[in-house]
């Protein structure tokens, strides 16, 4: 059988870009009837907005659809390449269009890459209606977009496309004879379609790109269909979404830490694996595991700190992938260990008092007296050496400075080793109360 021909002059993802709102698939939280963005597009109500969401979820397409529905001039810029000069040229063009009685939509992709001055340059032209601004970003607008621009643009949040939506998009591309692969006669195995939908990882552009590669592989091997093996070949080596230092990075480390704190080893291992898969530096993960041992486990299980340190050392000696297992073991241990933030809470309370009460003097009896003068001045006078006291405890002795009220910073939790620590401390504090003059 002759191999089907495959169009190669234009990327499949670009060819399949929806031309109408009816062709747009996904984002029901924005585009269901009655939703503000849906109504704005269908009723030709232009307004400045920011589309925030992962790659390949339809941000550029929605901007184009809004402009087309309103009959507006569409000027597209990318913050990766554009500068103030490009903005000025776009504004000049918008004024010409306005003079002819038509609106202009200025679309800026990757808007978070513009600095404050560049973002501020839009403001007067958005304010006076010269243009309608639409920005697209994969980063949290709260952190990346200046407040003045945020106040003039409504933020719409797009979500990753689930596998069902991606399956529909892939099948549509296979069937479409005008823009897709319908004229090639290619068919796809069900398992291959499912694999490509999953491998798309919520990104329509990525999924369609992999389908196009698979179609090319089928053509190169004179195959009338895309097999599971072909799908595996083009999907191999792909990484899940992960942005080192960006919001997804911090969302995932937050999820990992909270799964450990919540004593869920399965959730902890999942987020640990997601970060490794995304390319996170294992040394960073080792440092965070060490923090978990001190912040969330503490003295409820002091072994956690030792295990975290040893796992880090094991990774340094083994590297990846062998050392990853040592870190996974530490993550699992942190999740199943008894939890206590008593020391973490105590230190926070102590630091607050240090700041509040200033440089209180060390009580004289607690001072060191290495010289004759210091001894003559009373340094160390009256100090009770605990080892000479019954049970090595100087009942009634106070170790806080005189100007500080009585404090109980450390309150052990009734879990793990701290259960026993709490019982012992309660007895010592009872002895202190009994020895303190009324």
Protein backbone atom coordinates (compact mmCIF):
# COMPACT_ATOMS: atom_id res chain seq x y z
CA UNK A 1 0.00 0.00 0.00
CA UNK A 2 1.30 3.47 -0.86
CA UNK A 3 2.18 5.64 2.10
CA UNK A 4 -0.28 8.47 2.76
CA UNK A 5 1.02 11.98 2.22
CA UNK A 6 1.33 14.26 5.22
CA UNK A 7 1.27 18.05 5.07
CA UNK A 8 4.49 19.51 6.40
CA UNK A 9 4.39 23.15 5.31
CA UNK A 10 2.58 24.37 8.45
CA UNK A 11 2.49 22.83 11.94
CA UNK A 12 -0.62 20.76 12.56
CA UNK A 13 -1.33 22.58 15.83
CA UNK A 14 -1.45 25.91 13.98
CA UNK A 15 -3.59 24.50 11.17
CA UNK A 16 -6.10 23.13 13.68
CA UNK A 17 -6.41 26.37 15.65
CA UNK A 18 -10.17 26.95 16.25
CA UNK A 19 -11.67 29.59 13.96
CA UNK A 20 -14.92 30.00 15.88
CA UNK A 21 -16.04 29.67 19.47
CA UNK A 22 -18.02 26.58 18.45
CA UNK A 23 -14.78 24.86 17.44
CA UNK A 24 -13.07 25.66 20.74
CA UNK A 25 -12.84 22.64 23.04
CA UNK A 26 -12.19 22.79 26.78
CA UNK A 27 -12.25 25.57 29.40
CA UNK A 28 -15.95 25.15 30.32
CA UNK A 29 -15.36 27.30 33.42
CA UNK A 30 -14.88 30.23 31.01
CA UNK A 31 -16.80 29.34 27.88
CA UNK A 32 -20.06 27.77 28.99
CA UNK A 33 -23.12 29.87 28.12
CA UNK A 34 -23.66 32.46 30.81
CA UNK A 35 -19.98 32.72 31.73
CA UNK A 36 -18.57 36.28 31.41
CA UNK A 37 -15.93 35.50 28.77
CA UNK A 38 -18.36 33.49 26.65
CA UNK A 39 -20.93 36.28 26.77
CA UNK A 40 -18.30 38.93 26.04
CA UNK A 41 -17.15 37.11 22.90
CA UNK A 42 -20.62 36.20 21.62
CA UNK A 43 -21.97 39.73 22.25
CA UNK A 44 -18.88 41.50 20.86
CA UNK A 45 -18.05 43.17 24.16
CA UNK A 46 -14.38 44.05 24.00
CA UNK A 47 -12.57 44.58 27.29
CA UNK A 48 -8.96 44.39 28.40
CA UNK A 49 -8.05 41.08 29.95
CA UNK A 50 -5.24 38.78 30.96
CA UNK A 51 -5.39 35.08 30.11
CA UNK A 52 -3.44 33.06 32.65
CA UNK A 53 -2.85 29.36 32.16
CA UNK A 54 -0.40 26.59 31.18
CA UNK A 55 0.99 26.30 27.64
CA UNK A 56 -1.28 24.93 24.92
CA UNK A 57 -4.59 25.67 26.65
CA UNK A 58 -5.98 28.20 24.16
CA UNK A 59 -4.82 31.64 25.30
CA UNK A 60 -3.77 32.95 21.89
CA UNK A 61 -6.80 31.39 20.23
CA UNK A 62 -9.22 33.06 22.65
CA UNK A 63 -7.59 36.44 22.03
CA UNK A 64 -7.99 35.98 18.27
CA UNK A 65 -11.60 34.84 18.65
CA UNK A 66 -12.50 37.89 20.73
CA UNK A 67 -10.91 40.24 18.20
CA UNK A 68 -12.56 38.48 15.25
CA UNK A 69 -15.99 38.45 16.89
CA UNK A 70 -15.74 42.20 17.45
CA UNK A 71 -14.36 43.01 14.01
CA UNK A 72 -11.28 44.48 15.65
CA UNK A 73 -7.82 44.92 14.18
CA UNK A 74 -5.59 42.27 15.77
CA UNK A 75 -1.99 43.18 16.54
CA UNK A 76 0.07 40.37 18.04
CA UNK A 77 3.37 40.91 19.84
CA UNK A 78 5.57 38.63 21.89
CA UNK A 79 7.24 40.02 25.00
CA UNK A 80 10.20 37.77 24.23
CA UNK A 81 11.07 39.92 21.19
CA UNK A 82 9.07 43.16 21.42
CA UNK A 83 10.13 46.40 23.07
CA UNK A 84 8.91 49.96 23.63
CA UNK A 85 9.46 50.77 19.92
CA UNK A 86 7.07 47.96 18.91
CA UNK A 87 4.48 49.21 21.38
CA UNK A 88 4.68 52.72 19.95
CA UNK A 89 4.21 51.38 16.43
CA UNK A 90 1.21 49.33 17.59
CA UNK A 91 -0.32 52.39 19.26
CA UNK A 92 0.20 54.45 16.10
CA UNK A 93 -1.53 51.74 14.07
CA UNK A 94 -4.38 51.59 16.61
CA UNK A 95 -4.91 55.35 16.24
CA UNK A 96 -5.18 55.00 12.47
CA UNK A 97 -7.70 52.19 12.88
CA UNK A 98 -9.65 54.23 15.44
CA UNK A 99 -9.78 57.16 13.04
CA UNK A 100 -11.52 54.84 10.59
CA UNK A 101 -14.04 53.93 13.30
CA UNK A 102 -12.72 50.49 14.20
CA UNK A 103 -11.32 49.04 17.44
CA UNK A 104 -7.90 47.45 17.93
CA UNK A 105 -6.89 44.50 20.07
CA UNK A 106 -3.23 44.44 21.08
CA UNK A 107 -2.30 40.92 22.10
CA UNK A 108 0.93 40.48 24.05
CA UNK A 109 2.10 36.91 24.55
CA UNK A 110 4.37 36.14 27.51
CA UNK A 111 3.40 39.48 29.08
CA UNK A 112 5.16 38.52 32.32
CA UNK A 113 8.49 38.96 30.50
CA UNK A 114 7.90 42.72 30.19
CA UNK A 115 9.39 44.81 32.99
CA UNK A 116 7.45 47.42 34.96
CA UNK A 117 8.32 50.30 32.63
CA UNK A 118 7.29 48.33 29.56
CA UNK A 119 4.01 47.26 31.15
CA UNK A 120 3.29 50.82 32.29
CA UNK A 121 3.64 52.01 28.69
CA UNK A 122 0.27 50.40 27.86
CA UNK A 123 -1.66 52.19 30.56
CA UNK A 124 -2.56 55.56 28.93
CA UNK A 125 -3.64 53.87 25.70
CA UNK A 126 -5.78 51.33 27.52
CA UNK A 127 -7.20 54.12 29.67
CA UNK A 128 -8.26 56.33 26.76
CA UNK A 129 -9.62 53.43 24.69
CA UNK A 130 -7.04 53.66 21.90
CA UNK A 131 -6.66 49.91 22.17
CA UNK A 132 -7.98 46.90 24.04
CA UNK A 133 -5.17 45.03 25.75
CA UNK A 134 -5.08 41.23 25.97
CA UNK A 135 -2.11 39.65 27.70
CA UNK A 136 -1.24 35.97 27.90
CA UNK A 137 0.92 34.53 30.66
CA UNK A 138 1.89 31.21 32.20
CA UNK A 139 2.94 32.98 35.42
CA UNK A 140 0.81 34.21 38.31
CA UNK A 141 -0.33 37.75 37.39
CA UNK A 142 -0.31 38.71 41.08
CA UNK A 143 3.48 38.50 41.03
CA UNK A 144 4.34 39.34 37.42
CA UNK A 145 1.88 42.05 36.30
CA UNK A 146 1.99 45.61 37.64
CA UNK A 147 -0.95 46.59 39.81
CA UNK A 148 -2.05 49.45 37.56
CA UNK A 149 -2.40 47.12 34.58
CA UNK A 150 -4.12 44.46 36.69
CA UNK A 151 -6.71 47.03 37.81
CA UNK A 152 -7.60 47.74 34.18
CA UNK A 153 -7.71 44.13 32.93
CA UNK A 154 -9.85 41.23 34.07
CA UNK A 155 -7.95 38.01 34.75
CA UNK A 156 -9.30 34.75 33.31
CA UNK A 157 -7.74 31.48 34.49
CA UNK A 158 -7.35 28.66 31.96
CA UNK A 159 -6.81 25.08 33.11
CA UNK A 160 -4.81 22.19 31.72
CA UNK A 161 -6.80 20.18 29.19
CA UNK A 162 -7.73 16.74 30.44
CA UNK A 163 -7.05 13.59 28.42
CA UNK A 164 -10.67 13.39 27.22
CA UNK A 165 -10.44 16.84 25.63
CA UNK A 166 -7.08 16.01 24.06
CA UNK A 167 -8.47 12.76 22.63
CA UNK A 168 -11.24 14.74 21.00
CA UNK A 169 -8.77 17.25 19.54
CA UNK A 170 -6.51 14.49 18.21
CA UNK A 171 -9.39 12.61 16.64
CA UNK A 172 -10.68 15.82 15.08
CA UNK A 173 -7.25 16.46 13.55
CA UNK A 174 -7.18 12.93 12.13
CA UNK A 175 -10.63 13.35 10.57
CA UNK A 176 -10.31 16.93 9.27
CA UNK A 177 -9.67 16.80 5.51
CA UNK A 178 -9.27 20.57 5.12
CA UNK A 179 -6.68 21.40 7.77
CA UNK A 180 -5.80 18.13 9.47
CA UNK A 181 -4.76 14.64 8.45
CA UNK A 182 -8.08 13.49 7.05
CA UNK A 183 -6.81 13.38 3.47
CA UNK A 184 -3.97 11.01 4.41
CA UNK A 185 -6.27 8.10 5.17
CA UNK A 186 -4.42 7.42 8.41
CA UNK A 187 -6.14 5.61 11.24
CA UNK A 188 -4.89 5.27 14.79
CA UNK A 189 -5.02 2.39 17.25
CA UNK A 190 -7.14 3.11 20.31
CA UNK A 191 -4.20 2.49 22.66
CA UNK A 192 -2.01 4.85 20.62
CA UNK A 193 -4.66 7.58 20.75
CA UNK A 194 -4.93 7.21 24.52
CA UNK A 195 -1.16 7.32 24.94
CA UNK A 196 -0.80 10.49 22.88
CA UNK A 197 -3.64 12.13 24.81
CA UNK A 198 -1.94 11.31 28.12
CA UNK A 199 1.50 12.29 26.81
CA UNK A 200 0.11 15.67 25.79
CA UNK A 201 0.07 16.47 29.52
CA UNK A 202 -2.75 18.98 29.24
CA UNK A 203 -1.15 20.84 26.31
CA UNK A 204 -3.04 20.75 23.00
CA UNK A 205 -0.06 22.06 21.02
CA UNK A 206 2.14 19.32 22.43
CA UNK A 207 -0.42 16.58 21.76
CA UNK A 208 -1.01 17.68 18.17
CA UNK A 209 2.73 17.99 17.61
CA UNK A 210 3.24 14.41 18.75
CA UNK A 211 0.38 13.24 16.52
CA UNK A 212 2.06 14.95 13.58
CA UNK A 213 5.34 13.21 14.37
CA UNK A 214 3.55 9.87 14.63
CA UNK A 215 1.87 10.51 11.28
CA UNK A 216 5.25 11.24 9.75
CA UNK A 217 6.63 8.03 11.22
CA UNK A 218 3.72 6.09 9.74
CA UNK A 219 4.36 7.65 6.32
CA UNK A 220 8.08 6.86 6.52
CA UNK A 221 7.36 3.20 7.25
CA UNK A 222 4.54 2.82 4.66
CA UNK A 223 2.05 2.14 7.45
CA UNK A 224 -1.65 2.97 7.01
CA UNK A 225 -2.10 3.41 10.74
CA UNK A 226 -0.45 4.88 13.80
CA UNK A 227 0.40 2.03 16.14
CA UNK A 228 1.01 1.97 19.87
CA UNK A 229 4.72 1.47 19.20
CA UNK A 230 4.83 4.60 17.04
CA UNK A 231 3.02 6.59 19.70
CA UNK A 232 5.50 5.39 22.30
CA UNK A 233 8.38 6.36 20.06
CA UNK A 234 7.27 9.98 19.63
CA UNK A 235 6.12 10.37 23.24
CA UNK A 236 9.34 8.97 24.75
CA UNK A 237 11.47 11.40 26.69
CA UNK A 238 8.78 14.00 27.21
CA UNK A 239 8.71 15.75 30.58
CA UNK A 240 5.73 16.84 32.58
CA UNK A 241 5.18 20.58 33.08
CA UNK A 242 7.63 22.07 35.54
CA UNK A 243 9.08 25.56 35.79
CA UNK A 244 12.19 25.81 37.91
CA UNK A 245 11.69 28.76 40.24
CA UNK A 246 8.19 29.51 38.92
CA UNK A 247 4.78 29.06 40.48
CA UNK A 248 4.41 25.41 39.45
CA UNK A 249 7.74 24.73 41.16
CA UNK A 250 6.57 26.25 44.44
CA UNK A 251 3.12 24.70 44.15
CA UNK A 252 4.66 21.25 43.85
CA UNK A 253 7.15 21.64 46.70
CA UNK A 254 4.27 22.98 48.80
CA UNK A 255 2.24 19.88 47.96
CA UNK A 256 5.18 17.64 48.86
CA UNK A 257 5.75 19.34 52.19
CA UNK A 258 2.05 19.28 53.09
CA UNK A 259 1.71 15.60 52.16
CA UNK A 260 4.59 14.83 54.54
CA UNK A 261 3.03 17.00 57.24
CA UNK A 262 -0.26 15.21 56.66
CA UNK A 263 1.41 11.79 57.11
CA UNK A 264 0.55 10.64 53.58
CA UNK A 265 3.53 8.71 52.16
CA UNK A 266 1.75 8.07 48.85
CA UNK A 267 1.08 11.75 48.21
CA UNK A 268 4.58 12.66 49.35
CA UNK A 269 6.21 10.16 47.01
CA UNK A 270 4.02 11.28 44.11
CA UNK A 271 5.05 14.95 44.39
CA UNK A 272 8.65 13.95 45.01
CA UNK A 273 8.59 11.93 41.78
CA UNK A 274 6.86 14.75 39.87
CA UNK A 275 9.61 17.16 40.83
CA UNK A 276 12.36 14.72 39.93
CA UNK A 277 10.65 14.03 36.60
CA UNK A 278 10.41 17.75 35.92
CA UNK A 279 14.14 18.26 36.37
CA UNK A 280 14.29 19.62 39.93
CA UNK A 281 17.76 19.54 41.46
CA UNK A 282 17.77 16.58 43.91
CA UNK A 283 20.01 18.60 46.24
CA UNK A 284 17.17 21.09 46.61
CA UNK A 285 14.79 18.27 47.48
CA UNK A 286 17.29 16.90 50.00
CA UNK A 287 17.46 20.31 51.67
CA UNK A 288 13.68 20.51 51.88
CA UNK A 289 13.49 17.01 53.39
CA UNK A 290 15.97 18.17 56.03
CA UNK A 291 13.70 21.10 56.79
CA UNK A 292 10.72 18.78 57.15
CA UNK A 293 12.66 16.79 59.74
CA UNK A 294 13.22 19.89 61.87
CA UNK A 295 10.00 21.82 61.20
CA UNK A 296 7.34 19.12 61.23
CA UNK A 297 8.85 16.17 63.12
CA UNK A 298 11.34 17.61 65.56
CA UNK A 299 11.76 15.81 68.85
CA UNK A 300 8.75 13.60 68.25
CA UNK A 301 11.25 11.46 66.31
CA UNK A 302 14.84 12.78 66.46
CA UNK A 303 15.91 9.98 64.12
CA UNK A 304 14.25 11.86 61.26
CA UNK A 305 17.01 14.48 61.24
CA UNK A 306 19.70 11.79 61.08
CA UNK A 307 17.90 9.95 58.28
CA UNK A 308 17.48 13.16 56.28
CA UNK A 309 21.18 13.99 56.61
CA UNK A 310 22.27 10.46 55.73
CA UNK A 311 19.96 10.38 52.69
CA UNK A 312 21.53 13.63 51.45
CA UNK A 313 25.02 12.19 51.94
CA UNK A 314 24.01 8.99 50.14
CA UNK A 315 22.76 11.01 47.20
CA UNK A 316 26.00 12.99 47.05
CA UNK A 317 27.95 9.73 46.82
CA UNK A 318 25.64 7.91 44.40
CA UNK A 319 24.11 10.66 42.28
CA UNK A 320 21.05 9.99 40.10
CA UNK A 321 19.28 7.69 39.63
CA UNK A 322 20.65 5.45 42.40
CA UNK A 323 20.73 8.23 44.97
CA UNK A 324 17.12 9.16 44.22
CA UNK A 325 16.06 6.06 46.12
CA UNK A 326 17.81 7.27 49.27
CA UNK A 327 15.91 10.55 49.06
CA UNK A 328 12.65 8.67 48.43
CA UNK A 329 13.32 6.59 51.53
CA UNK A 330 13.83 9.76 53.56
CA UNK A 331 10.64 11.33 52.15
CA UNK A 332 8.68 8.21 53.09
CA UNK A 333 10.13 8.17 56.61
CA UNK A 334 9.27 11.84 57.12
CA UNK A 335 5.69 11.11 56.08
CA UNK A 336 5.19 8.17 58.47
CA UNK A 337 7.13 9.63 61.43
CA UNK A 338 5.35 11.11 64.44
CA UNK A 339 4.80 14.83 63.93
CA UNK A 340 5.61 17.79 66.14
CA UNK A 341 6.18 21.45 65.39
CA UNK A 342 6.79 22.23 69.08
CA UNK A 343 10.41 23.28 68.59
CA UNK A 344 9.52 25.28 65.46
CA UNK A 345 6.77 27.08 67.37
CA UNK A 346 8.99 27.59 70.42
CA UNK A 347 11.78 29.19 68.39
CA UNK A 348 9.31 31.56 66.74
CA UNK A 349 7.98 32.64 70.15
CA UNK A 350 11.51 33.09 71.52
CA UNK A 351 12.58 35.22 68.56
CA UNK A 352 9.51 37.42 69.05
CA UNK A 353 10.45 37.96 72.71
CA UNK A 354 14.07 38.66 71.81
CA UNK A 355 12.90 41.42 69.49
CA UNK A 356 10.32 42.74 71.95
CA UNK A 357 12.44 42.86 75.14
CA UNK A 358 15.78 43.81 73.64
CA UNK A 359 19.19 43.15 75.20
CA UNK A 360 18.25 41.84 78.65
CA UNK A 361 21.25 41.13 80.83
CA UNK A 362 22.37 37.64 81.68
CA UNK A 363 21.58 36.94 85.37
CA UNK A 364 24.76 37.27 87.48
CA UNK A 365 24.66 33.67 88.72
CA UNK A 366 24.62 32.39 85.13
CA UNK A 367 27.64 34.40 83.98
CA UNK A 368 31.05 32.91 83.38
CA UNK A 369 33.81 34.01 85.77
CA UNK A 370 37.21 33.23 84.20
CA UNK A 371 39.06 36.16 85.92
CA UNK A 372 39.58 37.32 89.49
CA UNK A 373 37.84 40.63 88.80
CA UNK A 374 34.75 38.87 87.49
CA UNK A 375 34.60 36.70 90.59
CA UNK A 376 34.94 39.81 92.80
CA UNK A 377 32.05 41.36 90.90
CA UNK A 378 29.91 38.33 91.74
CA UNK A 379 29.88 36.63 88.37
CA UNK A 380 28.68 33.06 88.87
CA UNK A 381 27.87 33.69 92.52
CA UNK A 382 24.95 31.58 93.72
CA UNK A 383 24.94 29.29 90.68
CA UNK A 384 23.71 25.80 91.53
CA UNK A 385 25.58 23.06 89.68
CA UNK A 386 22.80 20.78 88.50
CA UNK A 387 24.89 17.61 88.72
CA UNK A 388 25.31 18.18 92.46
CA UNK A 389 21.54 18.41 92.98
CA UNK A 390 19.12 15.48 93.51
CA UNK A 391 18.32 13.85 90.17
CA UNK A 392 20.72 16.39 88.56
CA UNK A 393 18.00 19.03 88.73
CA UNK A 394 18.22 22.35 90.61
CA UNK A 395 14.56 22.76 91.53
CA UNK A 396 13.41 26.37 91.66
CA UNK A 397 16.34 27.75 89.65
CA UNK A 398 15.40 30.27 86.94
CA UNK A 399 17.40 30.56 83.74
CA UNK A 400 15.58 33.40 81.98
CA UNK A 401 16.66 37.06 82.38
CA UNK A 402 15.07 39.05 85.17
CA UNK A 403 13.21 41.45 82.86
CA UNK A 404 11.40 38.68 81.01
CA UNK A 405 8.03 37.36 82.24
CA UNK A 406 7.72 33.64 82.97
CA UNK A 407 7.54 31.76 79.69
CA UNK A 408 6.77 28.24 78.44
CA UNK A 409 8.07 28.31 74.90
CA UNK A 410 8.44 24.59 74.38
CA UNK A 411 5.27 22.56 74.79
CA UNK A 412 5.82 18.94 73.69
CA UNK A 413 3.04 17.28 71.74
CA UNK A 414 1.53 14.00 73.00
CA UNK A 415 3.07 11.97 70.14
CA UNK A 416 6.24 9.98 69.60
CA UNK A 417 9.19 10.66 71.86
CA UNK A 418 7.71 14.02 72.86
CA UNK A 419 5.02 12.17 74.76
CA UNK A 420 7.69 10.96 77.18
CA UNK A 421 9.51 14.31 77.09
CA UNK A 422 6.29 16.06 78.04
CA UNK A 423 5.71 13.73 80.97
CA UNK A 424 9.27 14.28 82.25
CA UNK A 425 9.04 18.05 81.86
CA UNK A 426 5.71 18.13 83.70
CA UNK A 427 7.33 16.48 86.71
CA UNK A 428 10.30 18.87 86.66
CA UNK A 429 8.00 21.88 86.40
CA UNK A 430 5.97 20.59 89.35
CA UNK A 431 9.20 20.44 91.37
CA UNK A 432 10.05 23.98 90.26
CA UNK A 433 6.69 25.26 91.46
CA UNK A 434 7.07 23.46 94.78
CA UNK A 435 10.58 24.94 95.32
CA UNK A 436 9.64 28.50 94.34
CA UNK A 437 8.83 30.75 97.32
CA UNK A 438 5.18 31.82 97.40
